[in-house]
PDB file of N, CA and C in Angstrom:
ATOM      1  N   UNK A   1       1.044  -1.181  -0.131  1.00  0.00           N
ATOM      2  CA  UNK A   1       0.144   0.115  -0.082  1.00  0.00           C
ATOM      3  C   UNK A   1       0.883   1.278   0.032  1.00  0.00           C
ATOM      4  N   UNK A   2       2.069   0.982   0.521  1.00  0.00           N
ATOM      5  CA  UNK A   2       2.547   2.230   0.907  1.00  0.00           C
ATOM      6  C   UNK A   2       3.671   2.812  -0.743  1.00  0.00           C
ATOM      7  N   UNK A   3       3.819   1.877  -1.174  1.00  0.00           N
ATOM      8  CA  UNK A   3       4.041   1.942  -3.066  1.00  0.00           C
ATOM      9  C   UNK A   3       3.525   2.478  -3.747  1.00  0.00           C
ATOM     10  N   UNK A   4       2.139   2.311  -3.226  1.00  0.00           N
ATOM     11  CA  UNK A   4       0.864   2.532  -3.978  1.00  0.00           C
ATOM     12  C   UNK A   4       0.964   3.998  -3.936  1.00  0.00           C
ATOM     13  N   UNK A   5       0.630   4.485  -2.782  1.00  0.00           N
ATOM     14  CA  UNK A   5       0.820   5.516  -2.627  1.00  0.00           C
ATOM     15  C   UNK A   5       1.386   6.437  -3.150  1.00  0.00           C
ATOM     16  N   UNK A   6       2.770   5.561  -2.402  1.00  0.00           N
ATOM     17  CA  UNK A   6       4.079   7.115  -3.058  1.00  0.00           C
ATOM     18  C   UNK A   6       3.779   7.142  -4.653  1.00  0.00           C
ATOM     19  N   UNK A   7       4.176   6.371  -5.882  1.00  0.00           N
ATOM     20  CA  UNK A   7       3.482   6.266  -6.751  1.00  0.00           C
ATOM     21  C   UNK A   7       2.312   7.496  -7.130  1.00  0.00           C
ATOM     22  N   UNK A   8       0.902   7.319  -6.432  1.00  0.00           N
ATOM     23  CA  UNK A   8       0.213   8.174  -6.433  1.00  0.00           C
ATOM     24  C   UNK A   8       0.111   9.558  -6.284  1.00  0.00           C
ATOM     25  N   UNK A   9       1.139   9.975  -5.224  1.00  0.00           N
ATOM     26  CA  UNK A   9       1.585  10.884  -4.634  1.00  0.00           C
ATOM     27  C   UNK A   9       2.227  11.627  -5.628  1.00  0.00           C
ATOM     28  N   UNK A  10       3.684  10.929  -6.124  1.00  0.00           N
ATOM     29  CA  UNK A  10       4.412  11.824  -6.744  1.00  0.00           C
ATOM     30  C   UNK A  10       3.786  12.334  -8.019  1.00  0.00           C
ATOM     31  N   UNK A  11       2.993  11.273  -8.928  1.00  0.00           N
ATOM     32  CA  UNK A  11       2.230  11.300 -10.006  1.00  0.00           C
ATOM     33  C   UNK A  11       1.152  12.625  -9.745  1.00  0.00           C
ATOM     34  N   UNK A  12      -0.065  12.589  -8.735  1.00  0.00           N
ATOM     35  CA  UNK A  12      -0.776  13.500  -9.056  1.00  0.00           C
ATOM     36  C   UNK A  12      -0.930  14.807  -8.223  1.00  0.00           C
ATOM     37  N   UNK A  13       0.031  14.817  -6.995  1.00  0.00           N
ATOM     38  CA  UNK A  13      -0.018  15.454  -6.128  1.00  0.00           C
ATOM     39  C   UNK A  13       1.508  16.317  -6.591  1.00  0.00           C
ATOM     40  N   UNK A  14       2.252  15.703  -6.996  1.00  0.00           N
ATOM     41  CA  UNK A  14       3.689  16.278  -7.671  1.00  0.00           C
ATOM     42  C   UNK A  14       4.572  16.390  -6.355  1.00  0.00           C
ATOM     43  N   UNK A  15       4.285  15.773  -5.479  1.00  0.00           N
ATOM     44  CA  UNK A  15       5.822  15.812  -4.468  1.00  0.00           C
ATOM     45  C   UNK A  15       6.546  15.113  -4.752  1.00  0.00           C
ATOM     46  N   UNK A  16       7.716  15.127  -4.470  1.00  0.00           N
ATOM     47  CA  UNK A  16       9.316  14.549  -4.157  1.00  0.00           C
ATOM     48  C   UNK A  16       9.755  14.032  -2.645  1.00  0.00           C
ATOM     49  N   UNK A  17       9.679  12.766  -2.753  1.00  0.00           N
ATOM     50  CA  UNK A  17      10.473  12.411  -1.511  1.00  0.00           C
ATOM     51  C   UNK A  17       9.354  11.743  -0.676  1.00  0.00           C
ATOM     52  N   UNK A  18       9.155  12.697   0.426  1.00  0.00           N
ATOM     53  CA  UNK A  18       7.959  12.500   1.377  1.00  0.00           C
ATOM     54  C   UNK A  18       6.399  12.638   0.910  1.00  0.00           C
ATOM     55  N   UNK A  19       5.319  11.868   1.139  1.00  0.00           N
ATOM     56  CA  UNK A  19       4.183  12.558   0.620  1.00  0.00           C
ATOM     57  C   UNK A  19       3.581  13.191   1.073  1.00  0.00           C
ATOM     58  N   UNK A  20       2.755  14.050   0.976  1.00  0.00           N
ATOM     59  CA  UNK A  20       1.773  15.033   1.085  1.00  0.00           C
ATOM     60  C   UNK A  20       0.858  15.017   2.153  1.00  0.00           C
ATOM     61  N   UNK A  21       0.229  15.934   3.086  1.00  0.00           N
ATOM     62  CA  UNK A  21       0.521  15.179   4.301  1.00  0.00           C
ATOM     63  C   UNK A  21      -1.234  14.487   3.945  1.00  0.00           C
ATOM     64  N   UNK A  22      -2.185  14.948   3.097  1.00  0.00           N
ATOM     65  CA  UNK A  22      -3.321  14.066   2.478  1.00  0.00           C
ATOM     66  C   UNK A  22      -3.485  12.336   2.470  1.00  0.00           C
ATOM     67  N   UNK A  23      -1.445  12.086   1.495  1.00  0.00           N
ATOM     68  CA  UNK A  23      -1.332  10.611   1.291  1.00  0.00           C
ATOM     69  C   UNK A  23      -0.817  10.258   2.680  1.00  0.00           C
ATOM     70  N   UNK A  24      -0.192  10.821   3.283  1.00  0.00           N
ATOM     71  CA  UNK A  24       0.261  10.378   4.451  1.00  0.00           C
ATOM     72  C   UNK A  24      -0.502   9.917   5.516  1.00  0.00           C
ATOM     73  N   UNK A  25      -1.935  10.577   5.866  1.00  0.00           N
ATOM     74  CA  UNK A  25      -2.902   9.886   6.542  1.00  0.00           C
ATOM     75  C   UNK A  25      -3.928   9.334   6.313  1.00  0.00           C
ATOM     76  N   UNK A  26      -3.681   8.922   4.609  1.00  0.00           N
ATOM     77  CA  UNK A  26      -4.683   7.797   3.973  1.00  0.00           C
ATOM     78  C   UNK A  26      -3.447   6.329   4.191  1.00  0.00           C
ATOM     79  N   UNK A  27      -3.005   6.402   4.324  1.00  0.00           N
ATOM     80  CA  UNK A  27      -1.474   5.365   4.637  1.00  0.00           C
ATOM     81  C   UNK A  27      -1.584   5.104   6.234  1.00  0.00           C
ATOM     82  N   UNK A  28      -1.645   5.798   6.959  1.00  0.00           N
ATOM     83  CA  UNK A  28      -1.819   5.969   8.546  1.00  0.00           C
ATOM     84  C   UNK A  28      -3.002   5.167   8.862  1.00  0.00           C
ATOM     85  N   UNK A  29      -4.106   5.544   8.356  1.00  0.00           N
ATOM     86  CA  UNK A  29      -5.224   4.747   8.021  1.00  0.00           C
ATOM     87  C   UNK A  29      -5.313   3.326   7.862  1.00  0.00           C
ATOM     88  N   UNK A  30      -4.608   3.218   6.784  1.00  0.00           N
ATOM     89  CA  UNK A  30      -4.631   1.672   5.511  1.00  0.00           C
ATOM     90  C   UNK A  30      -4.108   1.011   6.400  1.00  0.00           C
ATOM     91  N   UNK A  31      -3.135   1.270   7.097  1.00  0.00           N
ATOM     92  CA  UNK A  31      -1.733   0.676   8.015  1.00  0.00           C
ATOM     93  C   UNK A  31      -2.691   0.205   9.582  1.00  0.00           C
ATOM     94  N   UNK A  32      -3.565   1.225  10.120  1.00  0.00           N
ATOM     95  CA  UNK A  32      -3.938   0.753  11.049  1.00  0.00           C
ATOM     96  C   UNK A  32      -5.494  -0.531  10.708  1.00  0.00           C
ATOM     97  N   UNK A  33      -5.917  -0.301   9.502  1.00  0.00           N
ATOM     98  CA  UNK A  33      -6.703  -0.982   9.317  1.00  0.00           C
ATOM     99  C   UNK A  33      -6.268  -3.011   9.103  1.00  0.00           C
ATOM    100  N   UNK A  34      -5.069  -2.133   8.406  1.00  0.00           N
ATOM    101  CA  UNK A  34      -4.562  -3.938   8.373  1.00  0.00           C
ATOM    102  C   UNK A  34      -4.096  -4.250   9.473  1.00  0.00           C
ATOM    103  N   UNK A  35      -3.025  -3.670  10.266  1.00  0.00           N
ATOM    104  CA  UNK A  35      -3.254  -4.060  11.568  1.00  0.00           C
ATOM    105  C   UNK A  35      -3.868  -4.845  12.454  1.00  0.00           C
ATOM    106  N   UNK A  36      -5.360  -4.515  12.508  1.00  0.00           N
ATOM    107  CA  UNK A  36      -6.607  -4.960  13.052  1.00  0.00           C
ATOM    108  C   UNK A  36      -7.523  -5.918  12.095  1.00  0.00           C
ATOM    109  N   UNK A  37      -7.101  -5.950  10.931  1.00  0.00           N
ATOM    110  CA  UNK A  37      -7.566  -6.989  10.396  1.00  0.00           C
ATOM    111  C   UNK A  37      -7.839  -8.544  10.952  1.00  0.00           C
ATOM    112  N   UNK A  38      -9.145  -9.012  10.713  1.00  0.00           N
ATOM    113  CA  UNK A  38      -9.165 -10.600  11.260  1.00  0.00           C
ATOM    114  C   UNK A  38      -8.635 -11.221  10.831  1.00  0.00           C
ATOM    115  N   UNK A  39      -8.297 -11.488   9.763  1.00  0.00           N
ATOM    116  CA  UNK A  39      -8.212 -12.200   8.578  1.00  0.00           C
ATOM    117  C   UNK A  39      -6.215 -12.816   9.415  1.00  0.00           C
ATOM    118  N   UNK A  40      -5.127 -11.911   9.104  1.00  0.00           N
ATOM    119  CA  UNK A  40      -4.051 -11.559   9.300  1.00  0.00           C
ATOM    120  C   UNK A  40      -3.104 -11.696   8.583  1.00  0.00           C
ATOM    121  N   UNK A  41      -2.668 -13.361   8.428  1.00  0.00           N
ATOM    122  CA  UNK A  41      -1.623 -13.245   6.904  1.00  0.00           C
ATOM    123  C   UNK A  41      -2.731 -13.894   6.226  1.00  0.00           C
ATOM    124  N   UNK A  42      -3.884 -13.850   6.573  1.00  0.00           N
ATOM    125  CA  UNK A  42      -4.688 -14.857   5.200  1.00  0.00           C
ATOM    126  C   UNK A  42      -5.386 -13.583   4.520  1.00  0.00           C
ATOM    127  N   UNK A  43      -5.119 -12.455   4.989  1.00  0.00           N
ATOM    128  CA  UNK A  43      -5.759 -11.396   4.697  1.00  0.00           C
ATOM    129  C   UNK A  43      -5.564 -11.354   2.885  1.00  0.00           C
ATOM    130  N   UNK A  44      -6.856 -11.434   2.393  1.00  0.00           N
ATOM    131  CA  UNK A  44      -7.389 -11.594   0.917  1.00  0.00           C
ATOM    132  C   UNK A  44      -6.960 -10.156   0.779  1.00  0.00           C
ATOM    133  N   UNK A  45      -7.064  -9.959  -0.919  1.00  0.00           N
ATOM    134  CA  UNK A  45      -6.914  -8.417  -1.690  1.00  0.00           C
ATOM    135  C   UNK A  45      -8.524  -7.738  -1.252  1.00  0.00           C
ATOM    136  N   UNK A  46      -8.204  -6.216  -0.779  1.00  0.00           N
ATOM    137  CA  UNK A  46      -9.774  -6.003  -0.098  1.00  0.00           C
ATOM    138  C   UNK A  46     -11.377  -6.434  -1.195  1.00  0.00           C
ATOM    139  N   UNK A  47     -10.469  -5.860  -2.743  1.00  0.00           N
ATOM    140  CA  UNK A  47     -11.684  -6.534  -3.591  1.00  0.00           C
ATOM    141  C   UNK A  47     -12.858  -7.678  -3.359  1.00  0.00           C
ATOM    142  N   UNK A  48     -11.661  -8.757  -2.568  1.00  0.00           N
ATOM    143  CA  UNK A  48     -12.302  -9.943  -2.352  1.00  0.00           C
ATOM    144  C   UNK A  48     -12.506 -10.335  -1.337  1.00  0.00           C
ATOM    145  N   UNK A  49     -12.114  -9.178   0.065  1.00  0.00           N
ATOM    146  CA  UNK A  49     -12.665  -9.508   1.139  1.00  0.00           C
ATOM    147  C   UNK A  49     -13.733  -9.287   1.277  1.00  0.00           C
ATOM    148  N   UNK A  50     -14.524 -10.553   1.999  1.00  0.00           N
ATOM    149  CA  UNK A  50     -16.233 -10.411   2.528  1.00  0.00           C
ATOM    150  C   UNK A  50     -16.383  -9.290   3.568  1.00  0.00           C
ATOM    151  N   UNK A  51     -15.153  -8.803   4.539  1.00  0.00           N
ATOM    152  CA  UNK A  51     -15.593  -7.856   5.117  1.00  0.00           C
ATOM    153  C   UNK A  51     -14.499  -6.256   4.833  1.00  0.00           C
ATOM    154  N   UNK A  52     -15.554  -5.280   4.541  1.00  0.00           N
ATOM    155  CA  UNK A  52     -14.755  -4.339   3.861  1.00  0.00           C
ATOM    156  C   UNK A  52     -14.502  -3.202   5.238  1.00  0.00           C
ATOM    157  N   UNK A  53     -13.624  -3.174   5.827  1.00  0.00           N
ATOM    158  CA  UNK A  53     -12.968  -2.333   7.156  1.00  0.00           C
ATOM    159  C   UNK A  53     -12.848  -0.976   7.028  1.00  0.00           C
ATOM    160  N   UNK A  54     -12.945  -0.480   5.874  1.00  0.00           N
ATOM    161  CA  UNK A  54     -12.474   0.946   5.293  1.00  0.00           C
ATOM    162  C   UNK A  54     -13.902   1.647   5.378  1.00  0.00           C
ATOM    163  N   UNK A  55     -14.097   2.612   6.159  1.00  0.00           N
ATOM    164  CA  UNK A  55     -15.182   3.635   6.068  1.00  0.00           C
ATOM    165  C   UNK A  55     -15.513   3.948   4.338  1.00  0.00           C
ATOM    166  N   UNK A  56     -16.425   4.541   3.847  1.00  0.00           N
ATOM    167  CA  UNK A  56     -16.602   4.480   2.120  1.00  0.00           C
ATOM    168  C   UNK A  56     -15.947   5.473   1.661  1.00  0.00           C
ATOM    169  N   UNK A  57     -16.352   6.772   2.643  1.00  0.00           N
ATOM    170  CA  UNK A  57     -15.029   7.741   1.759  1.00  0.00           C
ATOM    171  C   UNK A  57     -13.750   7.247   1.777  1.00  0.00           C
ATOM    172  N   UNK A  58     -13.006   6.659   2.602  1.00  0.00           N
ATOM    173  CA  UNK A  58     -11.730   6.313   2.113  1.00  0.00           C
ATOM    174  C   UNK A  58     -11.528   5.446   1.434  1.00  0.00           C
ATOM    175  N   UNK A  59     -12.507   4.562   1.335  1.00  0.00           N
ATOM    176  CA  UNK A  59     -12.806   3.080   0.280  1.00  0.00           C
ATOM    177  C   UNK A  59     -12.088   4.036  -1.307  1.00  0.00           C
ATOM    178  N   UNK A  60     -13.241   5.033  -1.240  1.00  0.00           N
ATOM    179  CA  UNK A  60     -13.514   5.644  -2.689  1.00  0.00           C
ATOM    180  C   UNK A  60     -11.706   5.940  -2.921  1.00  0.00           C
ATOM    181  N   UNK A  61     -10.906   6.931  -1.824  1.00  0.00           N
ATOM    182  CA  UNK A  61      -9.794   7.132  -2.234  1.00  0.00           C
ATOM    183  C   UNK A  61      -8.973   6.161  -2.504  1.00  0.00           C
ATOM    184  N   UNK A  62      -9.078   5.351  -1.675  1.00  0.00           N
ATOM    185  CA  UNK A  62      -7.950   3.648  -2.005  1.00  0.00           C
ATOM    186  C   UNK A  62      -8.639   3.453  -3.539  1.00  0.00           C
ATOM    187  N   UNK A  63      -9.697   3.376  -4.194  1.00  0.00           N
ATOM    188  CA  UNK A  63      -9.414   3.311  -4.893  1.00  0.00           C
ATOM    189  C   UNK A  63      -9.145   4.288  -6.323  1.00  0.00           C
ATOM    190  N   UNK A  64      -9.078   5.241  -6.173  1.00  0.00           N
ATOM    191  CA  UNK A  64      -8.804   5.951  -6.673  1.00  0.00           C
ATOM    192  C   UNK A  64      -7.163   5.673  -6.698  1.00  0.00           C
ATOM    193  N   UNK A  65      -6.381   5.530  -5.827  1.00  0.00           N
ATOM    194  CA  UNK A  65      -5.019   5.697  -5.723  1.00  0.00           C
ATOM    195  C   UNK A  65      -4.532   4.088  -6.537  1.00  0.00           C
ATOM    196  N   UNK A  66      -5.338   3.279  -6.743  1.00  0.00           N
ATOM    197  CA  UNK A  66      -5.122   1.501  -6.847  1.00  0.00           C
ATOM    198  C   UNK A  66      -5.665   1.622  -8.658  1.00  0.00           C
ATOM    199  N   UNK A  67      -6.490   3.160  -8.867  1.00  0.00           N
ATOM    200  CA  UNK A  67      -6.665   3.164 -10.826  1.00  0.00           C
ATOM    201  C   UNK A  67      -5.511   3.337 -10.788  1.00  0.00           C
ATOM    202  N   UNK A  68      -4.608   4.905 -10.078  1.00  0.00           N
ATOM    203  CA  UNK A  68      -3.826   5.171 -11.085  1.00  0.00           C
ATOM    204  C   UNK A  68      -2.491   4.514 -11.159  1.00  0.00           C
ATOM    205  N   UNK A  69      -2.334   4.356  -9.637  1.00  0.00           N
ATOM    206  CA  UNK A  69      -0.944   3.550  -8.886  1.00  0.00           C
ATOM    207  C   UNK A  69      -0.873   2.114  -9.515  1.00  0.00           C
ATOM    208  N   UNK A  70      -2.317   1.562  -9.635  1.00  0.00           N
ATOM    209  CA  UNK A  70      -1.830  -0.123 -10.647  1.00  0.00           C
ATOM    210  C   UNK A  70      -1.391  -0.224 -11.232  1.00  0.00           C
ATOM    211  N   UNK A  71      -1.439   0.471 -13.049  1.00  0.00           N
ATOM    212  CA  UNK A  71      -0.843   0.310 -13.952  1.00  0.00           C
ATOM    213  C   UNK A  71       0.307   0.647 -14.075  1.00  0.00           C
ATOM    214  N   UNK A  72       1.223   1.747 -13.103  1.00  0.00           N
ATOM    215  CA  UNK A  72       2.456   2.030 -13.098  1.00  0.00           C
ATOM    216  C   UNK A  72       3.410   1.230 -12.160  1.00  0.00           C
ATOM    217  N   UNK A  73       2.614   0.616 -11.106  1.00  0.00           N
ATOM    218  CA  UNK A  73       3.380  -0.328 -10.285  1.00  0.00           C
ATOM    219  C   UNK A  73       4.112  -1.340 -11.424  1.00  0.00           C
ATOM    220  N   UNK A  74       3.519  -2.011 -12.318  1.00  0.00           N
ATOM    221  CA  UNK A  74       4.580  -2.675 -13.523  1.00  0.00           C
ATOM    222  C   UNK A  74       5.849  -1.996 -13.337  1.00  0.00           C
ATOM    223  N   UNK A  75       6.152  -1.382 -13.449  1.00  0.00           N
ATOM    224  CA  UNK A  75       7.139  -0.114 -13.962  1.00  0.00           C
ATOM    225  C   UNK A  75       8.090  -0.001 -13.127  1.00  0.00           C
ATOM    226  N   UNK A  76       7.522   0.710 -12.133  1.00  0.00           N
ATOM    227  CA  UNK A  76       7.944   1.166 -10.893  1.00  0.00           C
ATOM    228  C   UNK A  76       8.707  -0.085  -9.410  1.00  0.00           C
ATOM    229  N   UNK A  77       8.093  -0.871  -9.274  1.00  0.00           N
ATOM    230  CA  UNK A  77       7.801  -1.870  -8.524  1.00  0.00           C
ATOM    231  C   UNK A  77       7.568  -3.274  -9.065  1.00  0.00           C
ATOM    232  N   UNK A  78       8.187  -3.754 -10.118  1.00  0.00           N
ATOM    233  CA  UNK A  78       7.515  -4.923 -10.461  1.00  0.00           C
ATOM    234  C   UNK A  78       6.978  -6.270  -9.920  1.00  0.00           C
ATOM    235  N   UNK A  79       7.885  -6.509  -9.011  1.00  0.00           N
ATOM    236  CA  UNK A  79       8.041  -7.179  -7.881  1.00  0.00           C
ATOM    237  C   UNK A  79       6.965  -7.327  -7.175  1.00  0.00           C
ATOM    238  N   UNK A  80       6.402  -6.213  -6.365  1.00  0.00           N
ATOM    239  CA  UNK A  80       5.042  -5.968  -5.538  1.00  0.00           C
ATOM    240  C   UNK A  80       4.180  -6.210  -6.530  1.00  0.00           C
ATOM    241  N   UNK A  81       4.234  -5.973  -7.851  1.00  0.00           N
ATOM    242  CA  UNK A  81       2.838  -5.684  -8.875  1.00  0.00           C
ATOM    243  C   UNK A  81       2.951  -7.559  -9.162  1.00  0.00           C
ATOM    244  N   UNK A  82       3.949  -8.052  -8.942  1.00  0.00           N
ATOM    245  CA  UNK A  82       3.585  -9.779  -9.518  1.00  0.00           C
ATOM    246  C   UNK A  82       2.540  -9.988  -8.405  1.00  0.00           C
ATOM    247  N   UNK A  83       3.499  -9.787  -6.951  1.00  0.00           N
ATOM    248  CA  UNK A  83       2.653 -10.348  -5.742  1.00  0.00           C
ATOM    249  C   UNK A  83       0.939 -10.199  -5.972  1.00  0.00           C
ATOM    250  N   UNK A  84       1.048  -8.934  -6.123  1.00  0.00           N
ATOM    251  CA  UNK A  84      -0.539  -8.295  -5.715  1.00  0.00           C
ATOM    252  C   UNK A  84      -1.268  -9.553  -6.706  1.00  0.00           C
ATOM    253  N   UNK A  85      -0.913  -9.657  -8.034  1.00  0.00           N
ATOM    254  CA  UNK A  85      -1.887  -9.897  -9.086  1.00  0.00           C
ATOM    255  C   UNK A  85      -1.745 -11.149  -9.050  1.00  0.00           C
ATOM    256  N   UNK A  86      -1.258 -12.344  -8.092  1.00  0.00           N
ATOM    257  CA  UNK A  86      -0.922 -13.575  -7.447  1.00  0.00           C
ATOM    258  C   UNK A  86      -1.803 -13.686  -6.815  1.00  0.00           C
ATOM    259  N   UNK A  87      -1.609 -12.848  -5.270  1.00  0.00           N
ATOM    260  CA  UNK A  87      -2.293 -12.733  -3.936  1.00  0.00           C
ATOM    261  C   UNK A  87      -4.008 -11.872  -4.442  1.00  0.00           C
ATOM    262  N   UNK A  88      -4.092 -11.436  -5.628  1.00  0.00           N
ATOM    263  CA  UNK A  88      -5.538 -11.673  -6.205  1.00  0.00           C
ATOM    264  C   UNK A  88      -6.184 -12.921  -6.927  1.00  0.00           C
ATOM    265  N   UNK A  89      -5.566 -13.671  -7.366  1.00  0.00           N
ATOM    266  CA  UNK A  89      -5.433 -15.176  -7.645  1.00  0.00           C
ATOM    267  C   UNK A  89      -6.069 -15.955  -6.902  1.00  0.00           C
ATOM    268  N   UNK A  90      -6.164 -15.880  -5.600  1.00  0.00           N
ATOM    269  CA  UNK A  90      -6.175 -16.922  -4.801  1.00  0.00           C
ATOM    270  C   UNK A  90      -7.433 -16.406  -4.073  1.00  0.00           C
ATOM    271  N   UNK A  91      -8.231 -17.797  -3.371  1.00  0.00           N
ATOM    272  CA  UNK A  91      -9.666 -17.443  -2.841  1.00  0.00           C
ATOM    273  C   UNK A  91      -9.526 -17.127  -1.830  1.00  0.00           C
ATOM    274  N   UNK A  92     -10.517 -15.493  -1.829  1.00  0.00           N
ATOM    275  CA  UNK A  92     -10.507 -15.200   0.130  1.00  0.00           C
ATOM    276  C   UNK A  92     -11.106 -16.387   0.682  1.00  0.00           C
ATOM    277  N   UNK A  93     -11.044 -16.722   2.432  1.00  0.00           N
ATOM    278  CA  UNK A  93     -11.802 -17.239   3.559  1.00  0.00           C
ATOM    279  C   UNK A  93     -12.257 -16.705   3.420  1.00  0.00           C
ATOM    280  N   UNK A  94     -13.713 -18.232   3.575  1.00  0.00           N
ATOM    281  CA  UNK A  94     -15.025 -17.049   3.584  1.00  0.00           C
ATOM    282  C   UNK A  94     -15.386 -16.236   5.344  1.00  0.00           C
ATOM    283  N   UNK A  95     -14.628 -16.728   6.350  1.00  0.00           N
ATOM    284  CA  UNK A  95     -14.720 -16.218   7.296  1.00  0.00           C
ATOM    285  C   UNK A  95     -13.496 -15.930   8.327  1.00  0.00           C
ATOM    286  N   UNK A  96     -13.249 -14.882   8.729  1.00  0.00           N
ATOM    287  CA  UNK A  96     -11.575 -15.005   9.458  1.00  0.00           C
ATOM    288  C   UNK A  96     -12.040 -16.255  10.958  1.00  0.00           C
ATOM    289  N   UNK A  97     -12.773 -16.697  10.940  1.00  0.00           N
ATOM    290  CA  UNK A  97     -13.112 -18.028  11.681  1.00  0.00           C
ATOM    291  C   UNK A  97     -12.321 -19.199  10.852  1.00  0.00           C
ATOM    292  N   UNK A  98     -12.677 -19.123   9.717  1.00  0.00           N
ATOM    293  CA  UNK A  98     -12.330 -20.348   8.700  1.00  0.00           C
ATOM    294  C   UNK A  98     -11.135 -20.009   8.631  1.00  0.00           C
ATOM    295  N   UNK A  99     -10.613 -18.292   8.348  1.00  0.00           N
ATOM    296  CA  UNK A  99      -8.917 -18.328   8.084  1.00  0.00           C
ATOM    297  C   UNK A  99      -8.350 -18.830   9.265  1.00  0.00           C
ATOM    298  N   UNK A 100      -8.821 -18.716  10.685  1.00  0.00           N
ATOM    299  CA  UNK A 100      -7.534 -19.082  11.627  1.00  0.00           C
ATOM    300  C   UNK A 100      -7.805 -20.652  11.707  1.00  0.00           C
ATOM    301  N   UNK A 101      -8.912 -21.288  11.332  1.00  0.00           N
ATOM    302  CA  UNK A 101      -9.027 -23.012  11.453  1.00  0.00           C
ATOM    303  C   UNK A 101      -8.490 -23.008  10.437  1.00  0.00           C
ATOM    304  N   UNK A 102      -7.775 -22.444   9.026  1.00  0.00           N
ATOM    305  CA  UNK A 102      -7.413 -23.333   8.567  1.00  0.00           C
ATOM    306  C   UNK A 102      -5.048 -23.207   8.348  1.00  0.00           C
ATOM    307  N   UNK A 103      -5.608 -22.079   8.838  1.00  0.00           N
ATOM    308  CA  UNK A 103      -3.982 -21.704  10.004  1.00  0.00           C
ATOM    309  C   UNK A 103      -3.289 -22.472  10.369  1.00  0.00           C
ATOM    310  N   UNK A 104      -4.209 -23.240  11.411  1.00  0.00           N
ATOM    311  CA  UNK A 104      -4.184 -24.274  12.387  1.00  0.00           C
ATOM    312  C   UNK A 104      -3.689 -25.270  11.812  1.00  0.00           C
ATOM    313  N   UNK A 105      -4.588 -25.845  10.942  1.00  0.00           N
ATOM    314  CA  UNK A 105      -4.759 -27.284  10.510  1.00  0.00           C
ATOM    315  C   UNK A 105      -3.366 -27.343   9.167  1.00  0.00           C
ATOM    316  N   UNK A 106      -3.057 -26.437   9.242  1.00  0.00           N
ATOM    317  CA  UNK A 106      -1.545 -26.065   8.092  1.00  0.00           C
ATOM    318  C   UNK A 106      -0.109 -26.691   8.786  1.00  0.00           C
ATOM    319  N   UNK A 107      -0.429 -25.972  10.265  1.00  0.00           N
ATOM    320  CA  UNK A 107       0.834 -26.576  10.885  1.00  0.00           C
ATOM    321  C   UNK A 107       0.701 -27.594  11.467  1.00  0.00           C
TER     322      UNK A 107
END
């Protein structure tokens, strides 16, 4: 998420180095939400997640960032882009409890 926000901020807000205050706040919010995600390590991409943990206004901001930065990630961060693409191909757990059970069974 940090890499995508950096690409977006640099391209849209014309910043150099550190992101602008608005993008910095968006990143902090996203990190807090990811940290509290009930899926933990099995977190699916947000588009496939059965639980939407972002506020509607923030979800729209994140969609804007992803629409802009997504195609540019291939050039700026090809490994991140590939990992994100592969992540999007796997099935999302049906619930946090199912994800937790699957983690226990795989150990």
